Amino acid sequence: MSLEALKKEAAALDDPSRKELFSFLVSLRERQWAAQAGAMARNLDDPDPDRWLTLEEFQTRLDQIPEPKE
């Protein structure tokens, strides 16, 4: 099913069903965030100093990230 078809189906829902769909979509997003947070926590808790960055290395990597467009 295409995204456009899903949008049309969602628009045709009654208010309680639309709220249930919204809650479901939010719960999916929260699971993604929880998974990402867990992955970041594992990286931050890594006890192997061979994978740690110095402040200078961190700054170099940070400087390579392009500035967002306004």
PDB file of N, CA and C in Angstrom:
ATOM      1  N   MET A   1       0.856  -1.176   0.000  1.00  0.00           N
ATOM      2  CA  MET A   1       0.000   0.000   0.000  1.00  0.00           C
ATOM      3  C   MET A   1       0.902   1.238   0.000  1.00  0.00           C
ATOM      4  N   SER A   2       0.552   2.178  -0.825  1.00  0.00           N
ATOM      5  CA  SER A   2       1.359   3.390  -0.933  1.00  0.00           C
ATOM      6  C   SER A   2       1.084   4.338   0.235  1.00  0.00           C
ATOM      7  N   LEU A   3       1.986   5.271   0.409  1.00  0.00           N
ATOM      8  CA  LEU A   3       1.814   6.279   1.446  1.00  0.00           C
ATOM      9  C   LEU A   3       0.577   7.120   1.186  1.00  0.00           C
ATOM     10  N   GLU A   4       0.336   7.448  -0.076  1.00  0.00           N
ATOM     11  CA  GLU A   4      -0.849   8.242  -0.425  1.00  0.00           C
ATOM     12  C   GLU A   4      -2.126   7.488  -0.057  1.00  0.00           C
ATOM     13  N   ALA A   5      -2.149   6.178  -0.305  1.00  0.00           N
ATOM     14  CA  ALA A   5      -3.320   5.372   0.048  1.00  0.00           C
ATOM     15  C   ALA A   5      -3.502   5.335   1.566  1.00  0.00           C
ATOM     16  N   LEU A   6      -2.404   5.220   2.288  1.00  0.00           N
ATOM     17  CA  LEU A   6      -2.486   5.238   3.752  1.00  0.00           C
ATOM     18  C   LEU A   6      -3.032   6.569   4.257  1.00  0.00           C
ATOM     19  N   LYS A   7      -2.588   7.661   3.646  1.00  0.00           N
ATOM     20  CA  LYS A   7      -3.076   8.985   4.049  1.00  0.00           C
ATOM     21  C   LYS A   7      -4.575   9.119   3.814  1.00  0.00           C
ATOM     22  N   LYS A   8      -5.022   8.617   2.677  1.00  0.00           N
ATOM     23  CA  LYS A   8      -6.454   8.689   2.375  1.00  0.00           C
ATOM     24  C   LYS A   8      -7.255   7.864   3.374  1.00  0.00           C
ATOM     25  N   GLU A   9      -6.747   6.673   3.707  1.00  0.00           N
ATOM     26  CA  GLU A   9      -7.432   5.818   4.681  1.00  0.00           C
ATOM     27  C   GLU A   9      -7.468   6.500   6.050  1.00  0.00           C
ATOM     28  N   ALA A  10      -6.359   7.115   6.439  1.00  0.00           N
ATOM     29  CA  ALA A  10      -6.295   7.791   7.737  1.00  0.00           C
ATOM     30  C   ALA A  10      -7.268   8.973   7.768  1.00  0.00           C
ATOM     31  N   ALA A  11      -7.375   9.698   6.683  1.00  0.00           N
ATOM     32  CA  ALA A  11      -8.285  10.844   6.621  1.00  0.00           C
ATOM     33  C   ALA A  11      -9.745  10.401   6.736  1.00  0.00           C
ATOM     34  N   ALA A  12     -10.037   9.196   6.303  1.00  0.00           N
ATOM     35  CA  ALA A  12     -11.415   8.693   6.347  1.00  0.00           C
ATOM     36  C   ALA A  12     -11.809   8.123   7.710  1.00  0.00           C
ATOM     37  N   LEU A  13     -10.852   7.996   8.612  1.00  0.00           N
ATOM     38  CA  LEU A  13     -11.135   7.421   9.933  1.00  0.00           C
ATOM     39  C   LEU A  13     -11.967   8.378  10.784  1.00  0.00           C
ATOM     40  N   ASP A  14     -12.759   7.802  11.689  1.00  0.00           N
ATOM     41  CA  ASP A  14     -13.457   8.640  12.658  1.00  0.00           C
ATOM     42  C   ASP A  14     -12.453   9.096  13.721  1.00  0.00           C
ATOM     43  N   ASP A  15     -12.857  10.054  14.525  1.00  0.00           N
ATOM     44  CA  ASP A  15     -11.930  10.659  15.484  1.00  0.00           C
ATOM     45  C   ASP A  15     -11.307   9.648  16.448  1.00  0.00           C
ATOM     46  N   PRO A  16     -12.071   8.756  17.088  1.00  0.00           N
ATOM     47  CA  PRO A  16     -11.430   7.783  17.996  1.00  0.00           C
ATOM     48  C   PRO A  16     -10.410   6.879  17.282  1.00  0.00           C
ATOM     49  N   SER A  17     -10.724   6.465  16.068  1.00  0.00           N
ATOM     50  CA  SER A  17      -9.794   5.621  15.322  1.00  0.00           C
ATOM     51  C   SER A  17      -8.538   6.401  14.931  1.00  0.00           C
ATOM     52  N   ARG A  18      -8.719   7.666  14.557  1.00  0.00           N
ATOM     53  CA  ARG A  18      -7.566   8.504  14.211  1.00  0.00           C
ATOM     54  C   ARG A  18      -6.664   8.704  15.428  1.00  0.00           C
ATOM     55  N   LYS A  19      -7.266   8.886  16.606  1.00  0.00           N
ATOM     56  CA  LYS A  19      -6.466   9.026  17.831  1.00  0.00           C
ATOM     57  C   LYS A  19      -5.708   7.741  18.128  1.00  0.00           C
ATOM     58  N   GLU A  20      -6.346   6.597  17.905  1.00  0.00           N
ATOM     59  CA  GLU A  20      -5.676   5.313  18.125  1.00  0.00           C
ATOM     60  C   GLU A  20      -4.507   5.137  17.158  1.00  0.00           C
ATOM     61  N   LEU A  21      -4.714   5.512  15.898  1.00  0.00           N
ATOM     62  CA  LEU A  21      -3.640   5.443  14.910  1.00  0.00           C
ATOM     63  C   LEU A  21      -2.494   6.357  15.306  1.00  0.00           C
ATOM     64  N   PHE A  22      -2.816   7.556  15.727  1.00  0.00           N
ATOM     65  CA  PHE A  22      -1.774   8.499  16.153  1.00  0.00           C
ATOM     66  C   PHE A  22      -0.973   7.925  17.321  1.00  0.00           C
ATOM     67  N   SER A  23      -1.655   7.351  18.289  1.00  0.00           N
ATOM     68  CA  SER A  23      -0.984   6.750  19.441  1.00  0.00           C
ATOM     69  C   SER A  23      -0.057   5.622  19.005  1.00  0.00           C
ATOM     70  N   PHE A  24      -0.525   4.823  18.055  1.00  0.00           N
ATOM     71  CA  PHE A  24       0.295   3.738  17.535  1.00  0.00           C
ATOM     72  C   PHE A  24       1.559   4.281  16.870  1.00  0.00           C
ATOM     73  N   LEU A  25       1.419   5.310  16.049  1.00  0.00           N
ATOM     74  CA  LEU A  25       2.573   5.891  15.364  1.00  0.00           C
ATOM     75  C   LEU A  25       3.564   6.504  16.351  1.00  0.00           C
ATOM     76  N   VAL A  26       3.043   7.152  17.387  1.00  0.00           N
ATOM     77  CA  VAL A  26       3.919   7.721  18.410  1.00  0.00           C
ATOM     78  C   VAL A  26       4.667   6.605  19.132  1.00  0.00           C
ATOM     79  N   SER A  27       3.992   5.509  19.417  1.00  0.00           N
ATOM     80  CA  SER A  27       4.663   4.403  20.105  1.00  0.00           C
ATOM     81  C   SER A  27       5.770   3.806  19.246  1.00  0.00           C
ATOM     82  N   LEU A  28       5.556   3.754  17.923  1.00  0.00           N
ATOM     83  CA  LEU A  28       6.627   3.285  17.035  1.00  0.00           C
ATOM     84  C   LEU A  28       7.838   4.207  17.109  1.00  0.00           C
ATOM     85  N   ARG A  29       7.570   5.516  17.090  1.00  0.00           N
ATOM     86  CA  ARG A  29       8.664   6.491  17.160  1.00  0.00           C
ATOM     87  C   ARG A  29       9.410   6.381  18.491  1.00  0.00           C
ATOM     88  N   GLU A  30       8.675   6.190  19.579  1.00  0.00           N
ATOM     89  CA  GLU A  30       9.314   6.064  20.894  1.00  0.00           C
ATOM     90  C   GLU A  30      10.195   4.824  20.962  1.00  0.00           C
ATOM     91  N   ARG A  31       9.775   3.740  20.324  1.00  0.00           N
ATOM     92  CA  ARG A  31      10.618   2.535  20.294  1.00  0.00           C
ATOM     93  C   ARG A  31      11.909   2.804  19.539  1.00  0.00           C
ATOM     94  N   GLN A  32      11.813   3.558  18.433  1.00  0.00           N
ATOM     95  CA  GLN A  32      13.025   3.922  17.682  1.00  0.00           C
ATOM     96  C   GLN A  32      13.960   4.760  18.551  1.00  0.00           C
ATOM     97  N   TRP A  33      13.389   5.751  19.239  1.00  0.00           N
ATOM     98  CA  TRP A  33      14.216   6.603  20.102  1.00  0.00           C
ATOM     99  C   TRP A  33      14.873   5.787  21.206  1.00  0.00           C
ATOM    100  N   ALA A  34      14.126   4.852  21.805  1.00  0.00           N
ATOM    101  CA  ALA A  34      14.677   4.021  22.870  1.00  0.00           C
ATOM    102  C   ALA A  34      15.821   3.161  22.344  1.00  0.00           C
ATOM    103  N   ALA A  35      15.656   2.619  21.146  1.00  0.00           N
ATOM    104  CA  ALA A  35      16.720   1.804  20.552  1.00  0.00           C
ATOM    105  C   ALA A  35      17.963   2.654  20.285  1.00  0.00           C
ATOM    106  N   GLN A  36      17.750   3.860  19.770  1.00  0.00           N
ATOM    107  CA  GLN A  36      18.888   4.751  19.497  1.00  0.00           C
ATOM    108  C   GLN A  36      19.568   5.164  20.798  1.00  0.00           C
ATOM    109  N   ALA A  37      18.785   5.455  21.818  1.00  0.00           N
ATOM    110  CA  ALA A  37      19.357   5.837  23.113  1.00  0.00           C
ATOM    111  C   ALA A  37      20.164   4.686  23.697  1.00  0.00           C
ATOM    112  N   GLY A  38      19.660   3.468  23.547  1.00  0.00           N
ATOM    113  CA  GLY A  38      20.396   2.298  24.038  1.00  0.00           C
ATOM    114  C   GLY A  38      21.717   2.126  23.316  1.00  0.00           C
ATOM    115  N   ALA A  39      21.707   2.322  22.010  1.00  0.00           N
ATOM    116  CA  ALA A  39      22.944   2.206  21.233  1.00  0.00           C
ATOM    117  C   ALA A  39      23.944   3.281  21.646  1.00  0.00           C
ATOM    118  N   MET A  40      23.462   4.508  21.852  1.00  0.00           N
ATOM    119  CA  MET A  40      24.359   5.585  22.290  1.00  0.00           C
ATOM    120  C   MET A  40      24.911   5.297  23.678  1.00  0.00           C
ATOM    121  N   ALA A  41      24.081   4.777  24.555  1.00  0.00           N
ATOM    122  CA  ALA A  41      24.534   4.464  25.910  1.00  0.00           C
ATOM    123  C   ALA A  41      25.622   3.398  25.877  1.00  0.00           C
ATOM    124  N   ARG A  42      25.451   2.384  25.024  1.00  0.00           N
ATOM    125  CA  ARG A  42      26.482   1.343  24.914  1.00  0.00           C
ATOM    126  C   ARG A  42      27.795   1.939  24.415  1.00  0.00           C
ATOM    127  N   ASN A  43      27.698   2.866  23.460  1.00  0.00           N
ATOM    128  CA  ASN A  43      28.922   3.515  22.969  1.00  0.00           C
ATOM    129  C   ASN A  43      29.582   4.353  24.057  1.00  0.00           C
ATOM    130  N   LEU A  44      28.785   5.089  24.799  1.00  0.00           N
ATOM    131  CA  LEU A  44      29.340   5.952  25.849  1.00  0.00           C
ATOM    132  C   LEU A  44      29.930   5.142  27.004  1.00  0.00           C
ATOM    133  N   ASP A  45      29.379   3.968  27.238  1.00  0.00           N
ATOM    134  CA  ASP A  45      29.850   3.129  28.342  1.00  0.00           C
ATOM    135  C   ASP A  45      30.983   2.190  27.931  1.00  0.00           C
ATOM    136  N   ASP A  46      31.479   2.333  26.717  1.00  0.00           N
ATOM    137  CA  ASP A  46      32.520   1.446  26.214  1.00  0.00           C
ATOM    138  C   ASP A  46      33.784   1.573  27.066  1.00  0.00           C
ATOM    139  N   PRO A  47      34.216   0.483  27.702  1.00  0.00           N
ATOM    140  CA  PRO A  47      35.390   0.569  28.576  1.00  0.00           C
ATOM    141  C   PRO A  47      36.726   0.502  27.839  1.00  0.00           C
ATOM    142  N   ASP A  48      36.720   0.267  26.532  1.00  0.00           N
ATOM    143  CA  ASP A  48      37.956   0.101  25.771  1.00  0.00           C
ATOM    144  C   ASP A  48      38.538   1.462  25.392  1.00  0.00           C
ATOM    145  N   PRO A  49      39.633   1.871  26.030  1.00  0.00           N
ATOM    146  CA  PRO A  49      40.206   3.195  25.731  1.00  0.00           C
ATOM    147  C   PRO A  49      40.742   3.315  24.299  1.00  0.00           C
ATOM    148  N   ASP A  50      40.934   2.191  23.602  1.00  0.00           N
ATOM    149  CA  ASP A  50      41.393   2.270  22.210  1.00  0.00           C
ATOM    150  C   ASP A  50      40.341   2.895  21.298  1.00  0.00           C
ATOM    151  N   ARG A  51      39.090   2.911  21.735  1.00  0.00           N
ATOM    152  CA  ARG A  51      38.020   3.487  20.914  1.00  0.00           C
ATOM    153  C   ARG A  51      37.598   4.861  21.415  1.00  0.00           C
ATOM    154  N   TRP A  52      38.275   5.393  22.396  1.00  0.00           N
ATOM    155  CA  TRP A  52      37.942   6.714  22.905  1.00  0.00           C
ATOM    156  C   TRP A  52      38.599   7.778  22.023  1.00  0.00           C
ATOM    157  N   LEU A  53      38.036   8.976  22.024  1.00  0.00           N
ATOM    158  CA  LEU A  53      38.611  10.096  21.285  1.00  0.00           C
ATOM    159  C   LEU A  53      39.226  11.088  22.252  1.00  0.00           C
ATOM    160  N   THR A  54      40.308  11.715  21.810  1.00  0.00           N
ATOM    161  CA  THR A  54      40.834  12.831  22.582  1.00  0.00           C
ATOM    162  C   THR A  54      39.936  14.032  22.306  1.00  0.00           C
ATOM    163  N   LEU A  55      40.085  15.073  23.090  1.00  0.00           N
ATOM    164  CA  LEU A  55      39.310  16.288  22.838  1.00  0.00           C
ATOM    165  C   LEU A  55      39.627  16.868  21.465  1.00  0.00           C
ATOM    166  N   GLU A  56      40.891  16.768  21.063  1.00  0.00           N
ATOM    167  CA  GLU A  56      41.287  17.293  19.761  1.00  0.00           C
ATOM    168  C   GLU A  56      40.646  16.490  18.626  1.00  0.00           C
ATOM    169  N   GLU A  57      40.639  15.151  18.761  1.00  0.00           N
ATOM    170  CA  GLU A  57      40.004  14.316  17.746  1.00  0.00           C
ATOM    171  C   GLU A  57      38.503  14.596  17.668  1.00  0.00           C
ATOM    172  N   PHE A  58      37.900  14.768  18.821  1.00  0.00           N
ATOM    173  CA  PHE A  58      36.478  15.085  18.861  1.00  0.00           C
ATOM    174  C   PHE A  58      36.207  16.411  18.169  1.00  0.00           C
ATOM    175  N   GLN A  59      37.018  17.418  18.452  1.00  0.00           N
ATOM    176  CA  GLN A  59      36.846  18.738  17.833  1.00  0.00           C
ATOM    177  C   GLN A  59      37.020  18.657  16.327  1.00  0.00           C
ATOM    178  N   THR A  60      37.994  17.876  15.867  1.00  0.00           N
ATOM    179  CA  THR A  60      38.214  17.708  14.431  1.00  0.00           C
ATOM    180  C   THR A  60      36.990  17.103  13.769  1.00  0.00           C
ATOM    181  N   ARG A  61      36.434  16.064  14.374  1.00  0.00           N
ATOM    182  CA  ARG A  61      35.235  15.432  13.812  1.00  0.00           C
ATOM    183  C   ARG A  61      34.042  16.383  13.856  1.00  0.00           C
ATOM    184  N   LEU A  62      33.926  17.115  14.947  1.00  0.00           N
ATOM    185  CA  LEU A  62      32.830  18.067  15.083  1.00  0.00           C
ATOM    186  C   LEU A  62      32.925  19.158  14.025  1.00  0.00           C
ATOM    187  N   ASP A  63      34.138  19.620  13.756  1.00  0.00           N
ATOM    188  CA  ASP A  63      34.337  20.669  12.751  1.00  0.00           C
ATOM    189  C   ASP A  63      34.014  20.195  11.337  1.00  0.00           C
ATOM    190  N   GLN A  64      34.015  18.891  11.101  1.00  0.00           N
ATOM    191  CA  GLN A  64      33.738  18.349   9.771  1.00  0.00           C
ATOM    192  C   GLN A  64      32.238  18.262   9.487  1.00  0.00           C
ATOM    193  N   ILE A  65      31.414  18.437  10.490  1.00  0.00           N
ATOM    194  CA  ILE A  65      29.959  18.380  10.296  1.00  0.00           C
ATOM    195  C   ILE A  65      29.523  19.697   9.667  1.00  0.00           C
ATOM    196  N   PRO A  66      28.838  19.637   8.518  1.00  0.00           N
ATOM    197  CA  PRO A  66      28.432  20.890   7.872  1.00  0.00           C
ATOM    198  C   PRO A  66      27.395  21.645   8.692  1.00  0.00           C
ATOM    199  N   GLU A  67      27.458  22.950   8.597  1.00  0.00           N
ATOM    200  CA  GLU A  67      26.488  23.792   9.284  1.00  0.00           C
ATOM    201  C   GLU A  67      25.115  23.642   8.622  1.00  0.00           C
ATOM    202  N   PRO A  68      24.043  23.573   9.410  1.00  0.00           N
ATOM    203  CA  PRO A  68      22.721  23.458   8.784  1.00  0.00           C
ATOM    204  C   PRO A  68      22.352  24.765   8.075  1.00  0.00           C
ATOM    205  N   LYS A  69      21.576  24.610   7.000  1.00  0.00           N
ATOM    206  CA  LYS A  69      21.103  25.797   6.286  1.00  0.00           C
ATOM    207  C   LYS A  69      19.961  26.412   7.074  1.00  0.00           C
ATOM    208  N   GLU A  70      19.898  27.722   7.055  1.00  0.00           N
ATOM    209  CA  GLU A  70      18.854  28.422   7.804  1.00  0.00           C
ATOM    210  C   GLU A  70      17.549  28.442   7.086  1.00  0.00           C
TER     211      GLU A  70
END
